Amino acid sequence: MTIDFLEGMAQSSRERARQAKLACSQEQMLLRAYQQPVSPLPSRALRFDLIAEVKLRSPAVGHLKPATENIGARVTGYATAGAAAVSVLTEPDRFDGELTHLASAARELRAVNVPAMRKDFLVDPYQVIEARANGASGVLVILRMLPRTEIEALVAQAMRLDLFVLLEAFDEREIELAHAVIETFGYKTGAWAGRPNVEVMVGVNCRDLTTLEVVPGRLEQLAHLLPTEVPRVAESGVTSAESARSVAAAGYDFALVGSALMKAPDPHALVREMLSAGRAARSIPTPPVAVGA
């Protein structure tokens, strides 16, 4: 039987979680987690922001940067250019990620109050605890990969730790599931009031993580189905100022940009260009670049 990409990622993630628990109990990891502060996502007042990503390799694109990449310098550059948050790949086998990359990024970002998000193929609430213990203020949860009970267990653990969650969908069915998860956790009833960092975002990934193929136009096609009471995130396929303008015009509040920034000769400039184009689509002024940036 052929194992598709997501199934393989889930299997390896469960093994990583098992090994991690042998090395550090959940109780010990919780103690480490609560010693780490969290940084909130920015206000939605701007209505369009970037989540800039750090990843050294992509199964779809190949190697992007060597293992010697200066993670701290890269994320500082993202933040200086105006990125609202930074996503850090921690999956080791197909993305060359490490938890040390997350810890390094979070350490640098804390000085400017920009949150780091753990991007991985999470399957176990222990890995959410592990994320905060390594400095994350948020986590990605892939809806296609898990049954609803396991998805809700991950979200519940994130809420207990005051982390934000990005629920990633690919199709209409998964967007419906995202609506149901949001309803389950009482977002519409204000159950999270007074906890500013507890946020659920819903994203559309236009890369099918079963086949790894990008489906053109999917971001715009599905935008109207997304919940409007939470931030909406365009994932994959945003590679230029023009594509940032397109997704902002379609109603997305964030674009998550990875490979394009990792390959860009000047990622700082690309962040600025994407923000300027996206905010222009919403008639939002872009703040001036800080002196010395």
Protein backbone atom coordinates (compact mmCIF):
# COMPACT_ATOMS: atom_id res chain seq x y z
CA MET A 1 0.00 0.00 0.00
CA THR A 2 1.34 3.44 -0.93
CA ILE A 3 1.70 5.87 1.98
CA ASP A 4 0.88 9.43 0.96
CA PHE A 5 2.89 12.41 2.16
CA LEU A 6 0.66 13.38 5.08
CA GLU A 7 0.27 9.81 6.31
CA GLY A 8 4.03 9.40 6.29
CA MET A 9 4.51 12.68 8.13
CA ALA A 10 1.96 11.64 10.76
CA GLN A 11 3.71 8.32 11.34
CA SER A 12 7.12 9.90 11.75
CA SER A 13 5.67 12.63 13.99
CA ARG A 14 4.14 10.05 16.32
CA GLU A 15 7.52 8.35 16.60
CA ARG A 16 9.22 11.65 17.35
CA ALA A 17 6.65 12.36 20.07
CA ARG A 18 7.23 8.92 21.57
CA GLN A 19 10.98 9.43 21.66
CA ALA A 20 10.63 12.92 23.11
CA LYS A 21 8.47 11.64 25.97
CA LEU A 22 11.14 9.09 26.83
CA ALA A 23 13.70 11.86 27.04
CA CYS A 24 11.53 14.32 29.00
CA SER A 25 8.24 13.54 30.75
CA GLN A 26 5.15 15.61 30.07
CA GLU A 27 5.29 17.01 33.60
CA GLN A 28 8.88 18.16 33.10
CA MET A 29 8.06 19.62 29.70
CA LEU A 30 5.14 21.55 31.20
CA LEU A 31 7.46 23.08 33.78
CA ARG A 32 9.76 24.20 30.98
CA ALA A 33 6.82 25.51 28.95
CA TYR A 34 5.46 27.75 31.70
CA GLN A 35 8.88 29.34 32.10
CA GLN A 36 8.62 30.69 28.55
CA PRO A 37 6.68 33.92 27.89
CA VAL A 38 4.32 34.23 24.95
CA SER A 39 3.95 37.13 22.52
CA PRO A 40 0.47 38.00 21.20
CA LEU A 41 -0.46 38.32 17.57
CA PRO A 42 -0.90 41.93 16.45
CA SER A 43 -4.27 43.62 16.45
CA ARG A 44 -6.42 42.87 13.43
CA ALA A 45 -6.75 46.64 12.86
CA LEU A 46 -4.31 46.57 9.95
CA ARG A 47 -6.30 43.76 8.30
CA PHE A 48 -3.33 42.48 6.29
CA ASP A 49 -0.06 41.13 7.65
CA LEU A 50 2.60 38.58 6.86
CA ILE A 51 3.66 35.44 8.67
CA ALA A 52 7.20 35.00 7.38
CA GLU A 53 8.60 31.49 7.43
CA VAL A 54 11.94 29.86 8.12
CA LYS A 55 12.50 26.51 6.43
CA LEU A 56 15.75 25.09 5.11
CA ARG A 57 14.20 22.57 2.74
CA SER A 58 10.87 21.85 1.11
CA PRO A 59 9.83 18.47 -0.34
CA ALA A 60 8.20 20.33 -3.20
CA VAL A 61 11.05 22.76 -3.94
CA GLY A 62 14.19 21.11 -2.58
CA HIS A 63 17.01 22.65 -0.53
CA LEU A 64 16.48 26.33 0.21
CA LYS A 65 19.30 27.15 2.64
CA PRO A 66 22.20 25.24 4.21
CA ALA A 67 22.22 23.97 7.78
CA THR A 68 24.58 26.86 8.60
CA GLU A 69 21.85 29.45 7.95
CA ASN A 70 21.79 32.15 10.65
CA ILE A 71 18.24 31.69 11.91
CA GLY A 72 18.44 34.57 14.38
CA ALA A 73 19.59 37.07 11.77
CA ARG A 74 16.92 35.93 9.31
CA VAL A 75 14.01 36.28 11.71
CA THR A 76 15.29 39.64 12.93
CA GLY A 77 15.29 40.79 9.31
CA TYR A 78 11.72 39.56 8.86
CA ALA A 79 10.58 41.42 11.98
CA THR A 80 12.42 44.62 11.04
CA ALA A 81 10.71 44.56 7.64
CA GLY A 82 7.30 44.37 9.32
CA ALA A 83 6.37 40.67 9.56
CA ALA A 84 3.70 40.18 12.22
CA ALA A 85 4.82 36.65 13.15
CA VAL A 86 7.40 34.08 12.12
CA SER A 87 6.67 30.45 11.31
CA VAL A 88 9.52 28.03 11.98
CA LEU A 89 9.64 24.51 10.52
CA THR A 90 10.73 21.95 13.10
CA GLU A 91 10.17 18.75 11.07
CA PRO A 92 13.60 17.11 10.62
CA ASP A 93 13.25 14.47 7.91
CA ARG A 94 11.75 16.33 4.94
CA PHE A 95 12.29 19.98 5.96
CA ASP A 96 15.66 19.86 7.79
CA GLY A 97 13.98 21.53 10.76
CA GLU A 98 14.90 21.37 14.43
CA LEU A 99 13.40 22.55 17.68
CA THR A 100 16.64 24.48 18.20
CA HIS A 101 15.67 26.60 15.17
CA LEU A 102 12.42 27.50 16.92
CA ALA A 103 14.19 28.30 20.19
CA SER A 104 16.74 30.47 18.40
CA ALA A 105 14.05 32.34 16.45
CA ALA A 106 11.86 32.88 19.50
CA ARG A 107 14.79 34.21 21.51
CA GLU A 108 15.54 36.88 18.89
CA LEU A 109 11.90 37.76 18.28
CA ARG A 110 11.07 38.19 21.96
CA ALA A 111 13.07 41.44 22.01
CA VAL A 112 10.68 42.97 19.46
CA ASN A 113 7.52 41.25 20.76
CA VAL A 114 6.96 39.29 17.55
CA PRO A 115 5.52 35.79 18.06
CA ALA A 116 7.06 32.59 16.71
CA MET A 117 4.85 29.73 15.54
CA ARG A 118 5.87 26.08 15.46
CA LYS A 119 5.08 24.64 12.05
CA ASP A 120 5.19 20.87 12.06
CA PHE A 121 2.97 17.84 11.62
CA LEU A 122 1.68 17.81 15.17
CA VAL A 123 -0.22 14.74 16.32
CA ASP A 124 0.14 14.74 20.11
CA PRO A 125 -0.69 17.41 22.73
CA TYR A 126 2.80 16.80 24.15
CA GLN A 127 4.19 18.45 21.00
CA VAL A 128 2.15 21.59 21.74
CA ILE A 129 3.74 21.74 25.20
CA GLU A 130 7.11 21.13 23.54
CA ALA A 131 6.41 24.08 21.22
CA ARG A 132 5.92 26.57 24.06
CA ALA A 133 8.88 25.08 25.95
CA ASN A 134 10.98 26.07 22.94
CA GLY A 135 9.59 29.59 22.76
CA ALA A 136 6.60 29.27 20.43
CA SER A 137 3.59 31.51 20.92
CA GLY A 138 1.50 29.52 18.45
CA VAL A 139 1.21 26.23 16.58
CA LEU A 140 -0.04 24.91 13.25
CA VAL A 141 -2.68 22.14 13.18
CA ILE A 142 -3.32 20.40 9.86
CA LEU A 143 -7.00 19.45 9.61
CA ARG A 144 -6.57 16.89 6.86
CA MET A 145 -4.17 14.81 8.90
CA LEU A 146 -6.16 13.94 12.04
CA PRO A 147 -9.64 12.96 13.23
CA ARG A 148 -11.65 15.70 14.91
CA THR A 149 -11.09 14.38 18.43
CA GLU A 150 -7.33 14.60 18.02
CA ILE A 151 -7.55 18.05 16.44
CA GLU A 152 -9.58 19.30 19.38
CA ALA A 153 -7.10 17.78 21.83
CA LEU A 154 -4.32 19.81 20.20
CA VAL A 155 -6.39 23.00 20.25
CA ALA A 156 -7.39 22.47 23.88
CA GLN A 157 -3.76 22.05 24.89
CA ALA A 158 -2.81 25.21 23.02
CA MET A 159 -5.55 27.15 24.78
CA ARG A 160 -4.39 25.93 28.18
CA LEU A 161 -0.94 27.27 27.34
CA ASP A 162 -2.21 30.61 25.94
CA LEU A 163 -0.98 29.80 22.45
CA PHE A 164 -2.61 30.79 19.19
CA VAL A 165 -3.54 28.10 16.66
CA LEU A 166 -3.55 28.15 12.88
CA LEU A 167 -6.00 25.55 11.57
CA GLU A 168 -4.93 24.60 8.06
CA ALA A 169 -7.55 23.53 5.51
CA PHE A 170 -7.32 22.57 1.86
CA ASP A 171 -10.91 22.04 0.75
CA GLU A 172 -14.52 22.83 1.56
CA ARG A 173 -14.94 19.88 3.92
CA GLU A 174 -11.97 20.94 6.01
CA ILE A 175 -13.22 24.53 6.16
CA GLU A 176 -16.52 23.18 7.51
CA LEU A 177 -14.50 21.26 10.11
CA ALA A 178 -12.68 24.47 11.05
CA HIS A 179 -16.05 26.18 11.64
CA ALA A 180 -17.08 23.28 13.88
CA VAL A 181 -13.86 23.37 15.90
CA ILE A 182 -14.20 27.12 16.46
CA GLU A 183 -17.78 26.59 17.61
CA THR A 184 -16.73 23.80 19.97
CA PHE A 185 -14.29 26.06 21.77
CA GLY A 186 -16.76 28.87 22.22
CA TYR A 187 -15.04 31.52 20.15
CA LYS A 188 -18.34 33.05 19.12
CA THR A 189 -19.56 33.21 22.72
CA GLY A 190 -16.55 35.10 24.07
CA ALA A 191 -15.20 32.23 26.12
CA TRP A 192 -11.66 33.41 25.35
CA ALA A 193 -12.23 36.98 26.54
CA GLY A 194 -9.44 38.31 28.72
CA ARG A 195 -6.86 35.97 27.15
CA PRO A 196 -5.44 38.11 24.33
CA ASN A 197 -2.99 35.56 22.99
CA VAL A 198 -5.56 32.77 22.69
CA GLU A 199 -6.54 33.06 19.06
CA VAL A 200 -7.63 30.63 16.38
CA MET A 201 -6.88 31.45 12.76
CA VAL A 202 -8.08 29.48 9.77
CA GLY A 203 -5.85 29.11 6.74
CA VAL A 204 -6.23 27.72 3.25
CA ASN A 205 -3.20 25.92 1.87
CA CYS A 206 -3.34 25.88 -1.91
CA ARG A 207 -0.68 23.16 -1.91
CA ASP A 208 -2.36 19.77 -1.63
CA LEU A 209 -0.35 18.02 1.06
CA THR A 210 -1.36 14.63 -0.27
CA THR A 211 0.14 15.21 -3.72
CA LEU A 212 2.31 18.31 -2.97
CA GLU A 213 0.84 20.03 -6.04
CA VAL A 214 -0.20 23.69 -5.91
CA VAL A 215 -3.77 24.25 -7.13
CA PRO A 216 -3.92 27.69 -8.80
CA GLY A 217 -6.81 29.93 -7.82
CA ARG A 218 -7.79 27.86 -4.76
CA LEU A 219 -7.07 30.67 -2.30
CA GLU A 220 -9.46 33.05 -4.03
CA GLN A 221 -11.99 30.28 -4.75
CA LEU A 222 -12.40 29.30 -1.08
CA ALA A 223 -11.99 32.67 0.62
CA HIS A 224 -15.72 33.34 0.93
CA LEU A 225 -16.24 30.09 2.86
CA LEU A 226 -13.87 31.00 5.69
CA PRO A 227 -15.19 32.19 9.06
CA THR A 228 -15.14 35.98 9.32
CA GLU A 229 -14.89 36.16 13.13
CA VAL A 230 -11.30 34.88 13.10
CA PRO A 231 -8.22 35.87 11.07
CA ARG A 232 -7.98 34.22 7.66
CA VAL A 233 -4.61 33.10 6.34
CA ALA A 234 -3.48 32.43 2.78
CA GLU A 235 -0.87 29.66 2.78
CA SER A 236 1.41 28.69 -0.10
CA GLY A 237 1.24 30.26 -3.52
CA VAL A 238 1.96 33.80 -2.29
CA THR A 239 5.26 34.54 -3.99
CA SER A 240 5.16 38.20 -5.04
CA ALA A 241 3.66 41.59 -4.30
CA GLU A 242 1.00 40.92 -6.91
CA SER A 243 -0.09 37.64 -5.32
CA ALA A 244 -0.15 39.33 -1.90
CA ARG A 245 -2.43 42.00 -3.37
CA SER A 246 -4.69 39.29 -4.81
CA VAL A 247 -5.18 37.39 -1.55
CA ALA A 248 -5.68 40.59 0.44
CA ALA A 249 -8.35 41.68 -2.02
CA ALA A 250 -10.00 38.26 -1.63
CA GLY A 251 -10.37 38.91 2.12
CA TYR A 252 -7.35 37.24 3.73
CA ASP A 253 -5.93 38.95 6.81
CA PHE A 254 -2.53 37.23 6.65
CA ALA A 255 -0.34 35.55 4.07
CA LEU A 256 2.07 32.87 5.21
CA VAL A 257 5.13 33.10 2.96
CA GLY A 258 7.94 30.56 3.08
CA SER A 259 9.85 29.41 0.02
CA ALA A 260 9.63 32.78 -1.74
CA LEU A 261 11.31 34.52 1.19
CA MET A 262 13.90 31.79 1.66
CA LYS A 263 14.89 32.08 -2.02
CA ALA A 264 14.69 35.87 -2.30
CA PRO A 265 18.00 37.73 -2.70
CA ASP A 266 16.55 40.44 -0.41
CA PRO A 267 13.83 38.97 1.84
CA HIS A 268 13.56 42.24 3.77
CA ALA A 269 12.55 44.05 0.58
CA LEU A 270 10.11 41.30 -0.43
CA VAL A 271 8.34 41.48 2.95
CA ARG A 272 7.96 45.23 2.53
CA GLU A 273 6.69 44.90 -1.04
CA MET A 274 4.12 42.25 -0.09
CA LEU A 275 2.87 44.28 2.87
CA SER A 276 2.61 47.43 0.79
CA ALA A 277 0.70 45.66 -2.00
CA GLY A 278 -1.61 43.77 0.36
CA ARG A 279 -2.47 46.84 2.39
CA ALA A 280 -3.01 48.90 -0.74
CA ALA A 281 -5.67 46.37 -1.71
CA ARG A 282 -7.38 47.19 1.59
CA SER A 283 -6.48 50.91 1.46
CA ILE A 284 -4.27 50.50 4.52
CA PRO A 285 -1.20 52.75 4.84
CA THR A 286 2.11 50.94 5.26
CA PRO A 287 4.20 52.31 8.16
CA PRO A 288 7.59 53.81 7.22
CA VAL A 289 10.71 51.67 7.53
CA ALA A 290 12.45 52.19 10.88
CA VAL A 291 15.68 54.18 10.76
CA GLY A 292 18.60 51.80 10.43
CA ALA A 293 16.42 48.89 9.24
